[in-house]
Amino acid sequence: MVHSDFRYYSRNSEIARIDRPTSAEVINHCKSIFYRHGIPDVVSSDNGSQFDPVQTVEFKDFAKSYGFKHITSSPKFSQNNGLIEAAVKTAKAHIKKSRDPYLTLMAYRAIPLENGFSPSELLMGRRINTTLPVAKTQLQPYSVNKKVLEAKEERRIEGQKTNYDQHHGVRNLDELDPGQKVRITDRRVTGKVLQKTPYPRSYLVQSGKRVYRRNRKHLIPSSHHIFIQNLSQRTTLMSQDTKLSSRCLSRMSASDAITPVSKDLL
């Protein structure tokens, strides 16, 4: 198993091979990174068993003892962790194709990003020496102009967001209130909202005796649940009503029998 640690600011990855993906193995790898770069304020991860406080308290105790905040992405919603997932996918592809993965990862750190700075420049304040020829004067440490960097990053992020929103028809979803009845789309069950979690657009929902954590995208208010998709379905339902005469059925028009269904409910 390949374990990757990623930094949003520099887009720099730390790669390590883990034979047994246990909490102890992940914690040791994190400690080696903290030794080199210091302890971060926030550590973000997926919902693997290594980080699950129900199955193990090791990582929770580690976060408390080292003084950082640990947050996890919404279950069943990898898009919430999209930048990290893309970085891991890229790193794995490079490792598989390369005879010397370390040289490949080194080259990635030396290549400028869209903002004009390489991951090594953002992380260490200098370019790194690789197998490619470079003037020694370009390897001297220097301070990155944060105002210029922030302006470029803001334009890049806004541009990506605008393109994505237009292409996918993104719209803002209403907040859910505690006690509100909802449908969990990926589980195909109904439940009741318990509370909103500290994580972005994430809720705890109780369905029967189980409690699920889901992103707002997977939760549909129960008022939207009752709908009829097509004429045959409605005809079947009406035929079950013994009080409905056959004459009413024959007069029903197709336009009256079909109820539009939002894509969000499919």
C-alpha atoms as a PDB file:
ATOM      1  CA  MET A   1       0.000   0.000   0.000  1.00  0.00           C
ATOM      2  CA  VAL A   2       1.207   3.496  -0.876  1.00  0.00           C
ATOM      3  CA  HIS A   3       0.461   6.171   1.695  1.00  0.00           C
ATOM      4  CA  SER A   4       0.565   9.795   0.591  1.00  0.00           C
ATOM      5  CA  ASP A   5       0.570  13.019   2.592  1.00  0.00           C
ATOM      6  CA  PHE A   6      -0.327  16.146   0.671  1.00  0.00           C
ATOM      7  CA  ARG A   7      -0.090  19.876   1.373  1.00  0.00           C
ATOM      8  CA  TYR A   8      -2.706  22.209  -0.097  1.00  0.00           C
ATOM      9  CA  TYR A   9      -0.394  25.237  -0.076  1.00  0.00           C
ATOM     10  CA  SER A  10       2.585  23.756  -1.895  1.00  0.00           C
ATOM     11  CA  ARG A  11       0.915  20.709  -3.555  1.00  0.00           C
ATOM     12  CA  ASN A  12       3.898  18.749  -2.305  1.00  0.00           C
ATOM     13  CA  SER A  13       3.428  15.030  -1.592  1.00  0.00           C
ATOM     14  CA  GLU A  14       5.184  12.791   0.913  1.00  0.00           C
ATOM     15  CA  ILE A  15       5.093   9.174  -0.247  1.00  0.00           C
ATOM     16  CA  ALA A  16       5.707   6.085   1.879  1.00  0.00           C
ATOM     17  CA  ARG A  17       5.117   2.367   1.447  1.00  0.00           C
ATOM     18  CA  ILE A  18       3.043   0.765   4.200  1.00  0.00           C
ATOM     19  CA  ASP A  19       2.795  -3.012   4.336  1.00  0.00           C
ATOM     20  CA  ARG A  20       0.078  -3.076   6.990  1.00  0.00           C
ATOM     21  CA  PRO A  21      -2.218  -0.016   6.941  1.00  0.00           C
ATOM     22  CA  THR A  22      -2.754   0.086  10.703  1.00  0.00           C
ATOM     23  CA  SER A  23      -3.113   3.151  12.887  1.00  0.00           C
ATOM     24  CA  ALA A  24       0.356   2.576  14.357  1.00  0.00           C
ATOM     25  CA  GLU A  25       1.971   2.450  10.879  1.00  0.00           C
ATOM     26  CA  VAL A  26       0.217   5.640   9.734  1.00  0.00           C
ATOM     27  CA  ILE A  27       1.096   7.429  12.980  1.00  0.00           C
ATOM     28  CA  ASN A  28       4.790   6.547  12.615  1.00  0.00           C
ATOM     29  CA  HIS A  29       4.773   7.857   9.064  1.00  0.00           C
ATOM     30  CA  CYS A  30       3.105  11.102  10.200  1.00  0.00           C
ATOM     31  CA  LYS A  31       5.689  11.509  12.944  1.00  0.00           C
ATOM     32  CA  SER A  32       8.515  11.256  10.402  1.00  0.00           C
ATOM     33  CA  ILE A  33       6.900  14.040   8.355  1.00  0.00           C
ATOM     34  CA  PHE A  34       6.344  16.221  11.414  1.00  0.00           C
ATOM     35  CA  TYR A  35       9.996  15.726  12.320  1.00  0.00           C
ATOM     36  CA  ARG A  36      11.038  17.217   8.967  1.00  0.00           C
ATOM     37  CA  HIS A  37       8.415  19.925   8.521  1.00  0.00           C
ATOM     38  CA  GLY A  38       6.859  20.592  11.918  1.00  0.00           C
ATOM     39  CA  ILE A  39       3.372  19.872  13.284  1.00  0.00           C
ATOM     40  CA  PRO A  40       0.504  21.203  11.127  1.00  0.00           C
ATOM     41  CA  ASP A  41      -2.587  22.912  12.525  1.00  0.00           C
ATOM     42  CA  VAL A  42      -4.996  20.633  10.634  1.00  0.00           C
ATOM     43  CA  VAL A  43      -4.660  17.090   9.248  1.00  0.00           C
ATOM     44  CA  SER A  44      -7.316  15.965   6.750  1.00  0.00           C
ATOM     45  CA  SER A  45      -7.909  12.322   5.828  1.00  0.00           C
ATOM     46  CA  ASP A  46     -10.457   9.921   4.408  1.00  0.00           C
ATOM     47  CA  ASN A  47     -12.605   7.696   6.620  1.00  0.00           C
ATOM     48  CA  GLY A  48     -10.274   4.691   6.698  1.00  0.00           C
ATOM     49  CA  SER A  49     -10.360   2.310   9.654  1.00  0.00           C
ATOM     50  CA  GLN A  50      -7.012   3.765  10.804  1.00  0.00           C
ATOM     51  CA  PHE A  51      -8.788   7.037  11.630  1.00  0.00           C
ATOM     52  CA  ASP A  52     -12.151   5.700  12.843  1.00  0.00           C
ATOM     53  CA  PRO A  53     -12.558   6.642  16.533  1.00  0.00           C
ATOM     54  CA  VAL A  54     -15.140   3.869  16.935  1.00  0.00           C
ATOM     55  CA  GLN A  55     -12.728   1.119  15.871  1.00  0.00           C
ATOM     56  CA  THR A  56      -9.564   2.607  17.353  1.00  0.00           C
ATOM     57  CA  VAL A  57      -8.622   5.615  19.489  1.00  0.00           C
ATOM     58  CA  GLU A  58      -4.942   5.561  18.539  1.00  0.00           C
ATOM     59  CA  PHE A  59      -5.075   8.325  15.927  1.00  0.00           C
ATOM     60  CA  LYS A  60      -7.437  10.401  18.070  1.00  0.00           C
ATOM     61  CA  ASP A  61      -4.985  10.197  20.983  1.00  0.00           C
ATOM     62  CA  PHE A  62      -2.098  10.986  18.621  1.00  0.00           C
ATOM     63  CA  ALA A  63      -3.855  14.137  17.375  1.00  0.00           C
ATOM     64  CA  LYS A  64      -4.543  15.223  20.951  1.00  0.00           C
ATOM     65  CA  SER A  65      -0.977  14.622  22.148  1.00  0.00           C
ATOM     66  CA  TYR A  66       0.584  16.461  19.167  1.00  0.00           C
ATOM     67  CA  GLY A  67      -1.944  19.280  19.259  1.00  0.00           C
ATOM     68  CA  PHE A  68      -3.381  19.233  15.738  1.00  0.00           C
ATOM     69  CA  LYS A  69      -6.991  19.092  14.549  1.00  0.00           C
ATOM     70  CA  HIS A  70      -8.019  15.994  12.599  1.00  0.00           C
ATOM     71  CA  ILE A  71     -10.900  16.246  10.096  1.00  0.00           C
ATOM     72  CA  THR A  72     -12.247  13.616   7.699  1.00  0.00           C
ATOM     73  CA  SER A  73     -14.038  13.906   4.371  1.00  0.00           C
ATOM     74  CA  SER A  74     -17.730  13.045   4.050  1.00  0.00           C
ATOM     75  CA  PRO A  75     -18.325   9.284   3.607  1.00  0.00           C
ATOM     76  CA  LYS A  76     -19.269   8.224   0.068  1.00  0.00           C
ATOM     77  CA  PHE A  77     -18.229  11.649  -1.245  1.00  0.00           C
ATOM     78  CA  SER A  78     -14.625  11.488  -2.438  1.00  0.00           C
ATOM     79  CA  GLN A  79     -15.160  14.753  -4.349  1.00  0.00           C
ATOM     80  CA  ASN A  80     -14.960  16.460  -0.944  1.00  0.00           C
ATOM     81  CA  ASN A  81     -11.304  15.400  -0.897  1.00  0.00           C
ATOM     82  CA  GLY A  82     -10.827  15.868  -4.635  1.00  0.00           C
ATOM     83  CA  LEU A  83      -7.471  17.666  -4.688  1.00  0.00           C
ATOM     84  CA  ILE A  84      -5.830  15.032  -2.494  1.00  0.00           C
ATOM     85  CA  GLU A  85      -7.426  12.151  -4.404  1.00  0.00           C
ATOM     86  CA  ALA A  86      -6.098  13.588  -7.678  1.00  0.00           C
ATOM     87  CA  ALA A  87      -2.602  14.012  -6.206  1.00  0.00           C
ATOM     88  CA  VAL A  88      -2.541  10.414  -4.955  1.00  0.00           C
ATOM     89  CA  LYS A  89      -3.739   9.142  -8.344  1.00  0.00           C
ATOM     90  CA  THR A  90      -1.004  11.112 -10.127  1.00  0.00           C
ATOM     91  CA  ALA A  91       1.702   9.902  -7.725  1.00  0.00           C
ATOM     92  CA  LYS A  92       0.669   6.253  -8.109  1.00  0.00           C
ATOM     93  CA  ALA A  93       0.660   6.546 -11.912  1.00  0.00           C
ATOM     94  CA  HIS A  94       4.185   8.016 -11.880  1.00  0.00           C
ATOM     95  CA  ILE A  95       5.460   5.319  -9.521  1.00  0.00           C
ATOM     96  CA  LYS A  96       4.071   2.491 -11.680  1.00  0.00           C
ATOM     97  CA  LYS A  97       5.538   3.864 -14.923  1.00  0.00           C
ATOM     98  CA  SER A  98       8.934   4.912 -13.600  1.00  0.00           C
ATOM     99  CA  ARG A  99      12.064   2.803 -13.137  1.00  0.00           C
ATOM    100  CA  ASP A 100      13.230   5.218 -10.466  1.00  0.00           C
ATOM    101  CA  PRO A 101      10.160   6.655  -8.713  1.00  0.00           C
ATOM    102  CA  TYR A 102      12.268   8.979  -6.568  1.00  0.00           C
ATOM    103  CA  LEU A 103      13.637  10.786  -9.614  1.00  0.00           C
ATOM    104  CA  THR A 104      10.106  11.092 -10.979  1.00  0.00           C
ATOM    105  CA  LEU A 105       8.740  12.544  -7.756  1.00  0.00           C
ATOM    106  CA  MET A 106      11.751  14.873  -7.569  1.00  0.00           C
ATOM    107  CA  ALA A 107      10.988  16.138 -11.064  1.00  0.00           C
ATOM    108  CA  TYR A 108       7.373  16.787 -10.028  1.00  0.00           C
ATOM    109  CA  ARG A 109       8.580  18.932  -7.129  1.00  0.00           C
ATOM    110  CA  ALA A 110      10.749  20.971  -9.496  1.00  0.00           C
ATOM    111  CA  ILE A 111       8.085  21.663 -12.160  1.00  0.00           C
ATOM    112  CA  PRO A 112       6.291  25.031 -11.817  1.00  0.00           C
ATOM    113  CA  LEU A 113       2.563  24.932 -11.081  1.00  0.00           C
ATOM    114  CA  GLU A 114      -0.099  27.154 -12.678  1.00  0.00           C
ATOM    115  CA  ASN A 115       0.868  29.947 -10.286  1.00  0.00           C
ATOM    116  CA  GLY A 116       4.442  29.963 -11.613  1.00  0.00           C
ATOM    117  CA  PHE A 117       6.061  28.421  -8.530  1.00  0.00           C
ATOM    118  CA  SER A 118       7.168  24.811  -8.084  1.00  0.00           C
ATOM    119  CA  PRO A 119       6.154  22.730  -5.028  1.00  0.00           C
ATOM    120  CA  SER A 120       9.736  22.897  -3.729  1.00  0.00           C
ATOM    121  CA  GLU A 121       9.743  26.704  -3.968  1.00  0.00           C
ATOM    122  CA  LEU A 122       6.489  26.952  -2.047  1.00  0.00           C
ATOM    123  CA  LEU A 123       7.577  24.394   0.539  1.00  0.00           C
ATOM    124  CA  MET A 124      11.253  25.284   1.047  1.00  0.00           C
ATOM    125  CA  GLY A 125      11.656  28.697  -0.536  1.00  0.00           C
ATOM    126  CA  ARG A 126      14.127  27.483  -3.149  1.00  0.00           C
ATOM    127  CA  ARG A 127      14.404  25.384  -6.277  1.00  0.00           C
ATOM    128  CA  ILE A 128      15.897  21.929  -5.935  1.00  0.00           C
ATOM    129  CA  ASN A 129      18.780  20.500  -7.927  1.00  0.00           C
ATOM    130  CA  THR A 130      17.725  17.643 -10.233  1.00  0.00           C
ATOM    131  CA  THR A 131      19.381  15.675 -13.021  1.00  0.00           C
ATOM    132  CA  LEU A 132      18.523  18.491 -15.443  1.00  0.00           C
ATOM    133  CA  PRO A 133      21.170  21.213 -15.843  1.00  0.00           C
ATOM    134  CA  VAL A 134      20.440  24.419 -13.973  1.00  0.00           C
ATOM    135  CA  ALA A 135      22.420  27.535 -13.104  1.00  0.00           C
ATOM    136  CA  LYS A 136      23.647  27.520  -9.518  1.00  0.00           C
ATOM    137  CA  THR A 137      22.360  31.043  -9.046  1.00  0.00           C
ATOM    138  CA  GLN A 138      18.802  29.721  -9.469  1.00  0.00           C
ATOM    139  CA  LEU A 139      19.231  27.347  -6.513  1.00  0.00           C
ATOM    140  CA  GLN A 140      19.674  30.130  -3.973  1.00  0.00           C
ATOM    141  CA  PRO A 141      16.973  30.448  -1.282  1.00  0.00           C
ATOM    142  CA  TYR A 142      14.524  33.326  -1.608  1.00  0.00           C
ATOM    143  CA  SER A 143      11.156  34.435  -0.226  1.00  0.00           C
ATOM    144  CA  VAL A 144       8.044  33.843  -2.334  1.00  0.00           C
ATOM    145  CA  ASN A 145       5.934  36.970  -2.765  1.00  0.00           C
ATOM    146  CA  LYS A 146       2.784  35.911  -0.915  1.00  0.00           C
ATOM    147  CA  LYS A 147       0.616  38.698  -2.349  1.00  0.00           C
ATOM    148  CA  VAL A 148       1.448  37.695  -5.911  1.00  0.00           C
ATOM    149  CA  LEU A 149       0.943  34.009  -5.065  1.00  0.00           C
ATOM    150  CA  GLU A 150      -2.399  34.564  -3.355  1.00  0.00           C
ATOM    151  CA  ALA A 151      -3.683  36.672  -6.270  1.00  0.00           C
ATOM    152  CA  LYS A 152      -2.732  33.979  -8.804  1.00  0.00           C
ATOM    153  CA  GLU A 153      -4.229  31.204  -6.669  1.00  0.00           C
ATOM    154  CA  GLU A 154      -7.462  33.132  -6.186  1.00  0.00           C
ATOM    155  CA  ARG A 155      -7.841  33.637  -9.947  1.00  0.00           C
ATOM    156  CA  ARG A 156      -7.087  29.975 -10.607  1.00  0.00           C
ATOM    157  CA  ILE A 157      -9.567  28.680  -8.028  1.00  0.00           C
ATOM    158  CA  GLU A 158     -12.316  31.079  -9.091  1.00  0.00           C
ATOM    159  CA  GLY A 159     -11.814  30.116 -12.733  1.00  0.00           C
ATOM    160  CA  GLN A 160     -11.996  26.397 -11.970  1.00  0.00           C
ATOM    161  CA  LYS A 161     -15.075  26.873  -9.791  1.00  0.00           C
ATOM    162  CA  THR A 162     -16.875  28.913 -12.450  1.00  0.00           C
ATOM    163  CA  ASN A 163     -16.148  26.355 -15.180  1.00  0.00           C
ATOM    164  CA  TYR A 164     -17.213  23.440 -12.981  1.00  0.00           C
ATOM    165  CA  ASP A 165     -20.412  25.129 -11.813  1.00  0.00           C
ATOM    166  CA  GLN A 166     -21.435  26.029 -15.370  1.00  0.00           C
ATOM    167  CA  HIS A 167     -20.652  22.572 -16.755  1.00  0.00           C
ATOM    168  CA  HIS A 168     -22.411  20.620 -13.984  1.00  0.00           C
ATOM    169  CA  GLY A 169     -25.233  23.032 -13.223  1.00  0.00           C
ATOM    170  CA  VAL A 170     -24.202  23.433  -9.600  1.00  0.00           C
ATOM    171  CA  ARG A 171     -26.640  25.138  -7.248  1.00  0.00           C
ATOM    172  CA  ASN A 172     -26.573  25.859  -3.540  1.00  0.00           C
ATOM    173  CA  LEU A 173     -28.619  23.466  -1.401  1.00  0.00           C
ATOM    174  CA  ASP A 174     -30.629  24.672   1.583  1.00  0.00           C
ATOM    175  CA  GLU A 175     -29.378  23.981   5.091  1.00  0.00           C
ATOM    176  CA  LEU A 176     -31.052  21.120   6.985  1.00  0.00           C
ATOM    177  CA  ASP A 177     -32.462  21.534  10.485  1.00  0.00           C
ATOM    178  CA  PRO A 178     -32.201  19.048  13.394  1.00  0.00           C
ATOM    179  CA  GLY A 179     -35.253  16.777  13.402  1.00  0.00           C
ATOM    180  CA  GLN A 180     -35.922  17.272   9.693  1.00  0.00           C
ATOM    181  CA  LYS A 181     -36.842  14.097   7.803  1.00  0.00           C
ATOM    182  CA  VAL A 182     -34.626  13.272   4.830  1.00  0.00           C
ATOM    183  CA  ARG A 183     -33.846  10.499   2.391  1.00  0.00           C
ATOM    184  CA  ILE A 184     -30.278   9.149   2.176  1.00  0.00           C
ATOM    185  CA  THR A 185     -29.863   8.603  -1.555  1.00  0.00           C
ATOM    186  CA  ASP A 186     -26.916   6.175  -1.543  1.00  0.00           C
ATOM    187  CA  ARG A 187     -28.555   3.972   1.140  1.00  0.00           C
ATOM    188  CA  ARG A 188     -32.112   4.351  -0.181  1.00  0.00           C
ATOM    189  CA  VAL A 189     -33.478   4.801   3.321  1.00  0.00           C
ATOM    190  CA  THR A 190     -35.196   7.614   5.190  1.00  0.00           C
ATOM    191  CA  GLY A 191     -34.018   9.144   8.416  1.00  0.00           C
ATOM    192  CA  LYS A 192     -33.981  12.151  10.694  1.00  0.00           C
ATOM    193  CA  VAL A 193     -31.278  14.808  10.879  1.00  0.00           C
ATOM    194  CA  LEU A 194     -29.552  14.776  14.258  1.00  0.00           C
ATOM    195  CA  GLN A 195     -27.126  17.656  13.784  1.00  0.00           C
ATOM    196  CA  LYS A 196     -24.719  19.343  11.436  1.00  0.00           C
ATOM    197  CA  THR A 197     -21.105  18.267  11.969  1.00  0.00           C
ATOM    198  CA  PRO A 198     -18.138  20.656  12.219  1.00  0.00           C
ATOM    199  CA  TYR A 199     -17.117  19.537   8.731  1.00  0.00           C
ATOM    200  CA  PRO A 200     -18.339  21.397   5.597  1.00  0.00           C
ATOM    201  CA  ARG A 201     -21.872  20.437   4.445  1.00  0.00           C
ATOM    202  CA  SER A 202     -21.797  17.263   6.556  1.00  0.00           C
ATOM    203  CA  TYR A 203     -24.681  15.957   8.682  1.00  0.00           C
ATOM    204  CA  LEU A 204     -25.417  13.127  11.110  1.00  0.00           C
ATOM    205  CA  VAL A 205     -28.641  11.316  10.200  1.00  0.00           C
ATOM    206  CA  GLN A 206     -30.402   8.608  12.218  1.00  0.00           C
ATOM    207  CA  SER A 207     -32.184   5.853  10.313  1.00  0.00           C
ATOM    208  CA  GLY A 208     -33.607   3.164  12.540  1.00  0.00           C
ATOM    209  CA  LYS A 209     -30.924   2.178  15.044  1.00  0.00           C
ATOM    210  CA  ARG A 210     -28.051   3.369  12.855  1.00  0.00           C
ATOM    211  CA  VAL A 211     -26.472   6.800  12.530  1.00  0.00           C
ATOM    212  CA  TYR A 212     -24.932   7.868   9.213  1.00  0.00           C
ATOM    213  CA  ARG A 213     -22.711  10.794   8.368  1.00  0.00           C
ATOM    214  CA  ARG A 214     -23.411  12.133   4.905  1.00  0.00           C
ATOM    215  CA  ASN A 215     -22.701  15.156   2.724  1.00  0.00           C
ATOM    216  CA  ARG A 216     -25.637  17.467   2.008  1.00  0.00           C
ATOM    217  CA  LYS A 217     -25.581  16.243  -1.600  1.00  0.00           C
ATOM    218  CA  HIS A 218     -26.760  12.792  -0.447  1.00  0.00           C
ATOM    219  CA  LEU A 219     -29.664  14.099   1.657  1.00  0.00           C
ATOM    220  CA  ILE A 220     -33.044  14.987   0.143  1.00  0.00           C
ATOM    221  CA  PRO A 221     -35.799  16.533   2.312  1.00  0.00           C
ATOM    222  CA  SER A 222     -38.672  14.055   2.706  1.00  0.00           C
ATOM    223  CA  SER A 223     -41.191  16.521   1.259  1.00  0.00           C
ATOM    224  CA  HIS A 224     -39.628  15.729  -2.137  1.00  0.00           C
ATOM    225  CA  HIS A 225     -39.955  11.960  -1.833  1.00  0.00           C
ATOM    226  CA  ILE A 226     -43.440  11.330  -3.199  1.00  0.00           C
ATOM    227  CA  PHE A 227     -43.374  11.483  -6.978  1.00  0.00           C
ATOM    228  CA  ILE A 228     -44.551   9.378  -9.933  1.00  0.00           C
ATOM    229  CA  GLN A 229     -42.128   8.745 -12.749  1.00  0.00           C
ATOM    230  CA  ASN A 230     -44.312   7.585 -15.632  1.00  0.00           C
ATOM    231  CA  LEU A 231     -47.779   6.847 -16.910  1.00  0.00           C
ATOM    232  CA  SER A 232     -47.666   3.087 -16.322  1.00  0.00           C
ATOM    233  CA  GLN A 233     -46.667   3.548 -12.685  1.00  0.00           C
ATOM    234  CA  ARG A 234     -49.522   5.968 -12.024  1.00  0.00           C
ATOM    235  CA  THR A 235     -51.994   3.752 -13.851  1.00  0.00           C
ATOM    236  CA  THR A 236     -50.956   0.807 -11.681  1.00  0.00           C
ATOM    237  CA  LEU A 237     -51.458   2.820  -8.506  1.00  0.00           C
ATOM    238  CA  MET A 238     -54.850   4.047  -9.608  1.00  0.00           C
ATOM    239  CA  SER A 239     -56.007   0.556 -10.572  1.00  0.00           C
ATOM    240  CA  GLN A 240     -55.482  -0.487  -6.974  1.00  0.00           C
ATOM    241  CA  ASP A 241     -58.092   2.043  -5.863  1.00  0.00           C
ATOM    242  CA  THR A 242     -61.418   0.191  -6.116  1.00  0.00           C
ATOM    243  CA  LYS A 243     -63.337   3.459  -6.054  1.00  0.00           C
ATOM    244  CA  LEU A 244     -61.790   4.671  -9.303  1.00  0.00           C
ATOM    245  CA  SER A 245     -63.872   3.839 -12.356  1.00  0.00           C
ATOM    246  CA  SER A 246     -62.452   2.605 -15.631  1.00  0.00           C
ATOM    247  CA  ARG A 247     -64.005   5.644 -17.352  1.00  0.00           C
ATOM    248  CA  CYS A 248     -61.698   7.994 -15.360  1.00  0.00           C
ATOM    249  CA  LEU A 249     -58.686   5.997 -16.419  1.00  0.00           C
ATOM    250  CA  SER A 250     -59.562   6.099 -20.097  1.00  0.00           C
ATOM    251  CA  ARG A 251     -59.989   9.871 -20.006  1.00  0.00           C
ATOM    252  CA  MET A 252     -56.648  10.504 -18.327  1.00  0.00           C
ATOM    253  CA  SER A 253     -54.266  12.242 -20.674  1.00  0.00           C
ATOM    254  CA  ALA A 254     -50.576  11.437 -20.859  1.00  0.00           C
ATOM    255  CA  SER A 255     -49.654  15.015 -19.981  1.00  0.00           C
ATOM    256  CA  ASP A 256     -51.667  14.714 -16.753  1.00  0.00           C
ATOM    257  CA  ALA A 257     -50.145  11.365 -15.848  1.00  0.00           C
ATOM    258  CA  ILE A 258     -46.493  12.307 -16.140  1.00  0.00           C
ATOM    259  CA  THR A 259     -44.978  14.253 -13.277  1.00  0.00           C
ATOM    260  CA  PRO A 260     -41.615  15.960 -13.952  1.00  0.00           C
ATOM    261  CA  VAL A 261     -38.854  14.604 -11.767  1.00  0.00           C
ATOM    262  CA  SER A 262     -35.802  16.623 -10.793  1.00  0.00           C
ATOM    263  CA  LYS A 263     -32.446  15.078 -11.656  1.00  0.00           C
ATOM    264  CA  ASP A 264     -31.501  15.468  -8.008  1.00  0.00           C
ATOM    265  CA  LEU A 265     -34.184  12.938  -7.067  1.00  0.00           C
ATOM    266  CA  LEU A 266     -33.138  10.203  -9.528  1.00  0.00           C
END
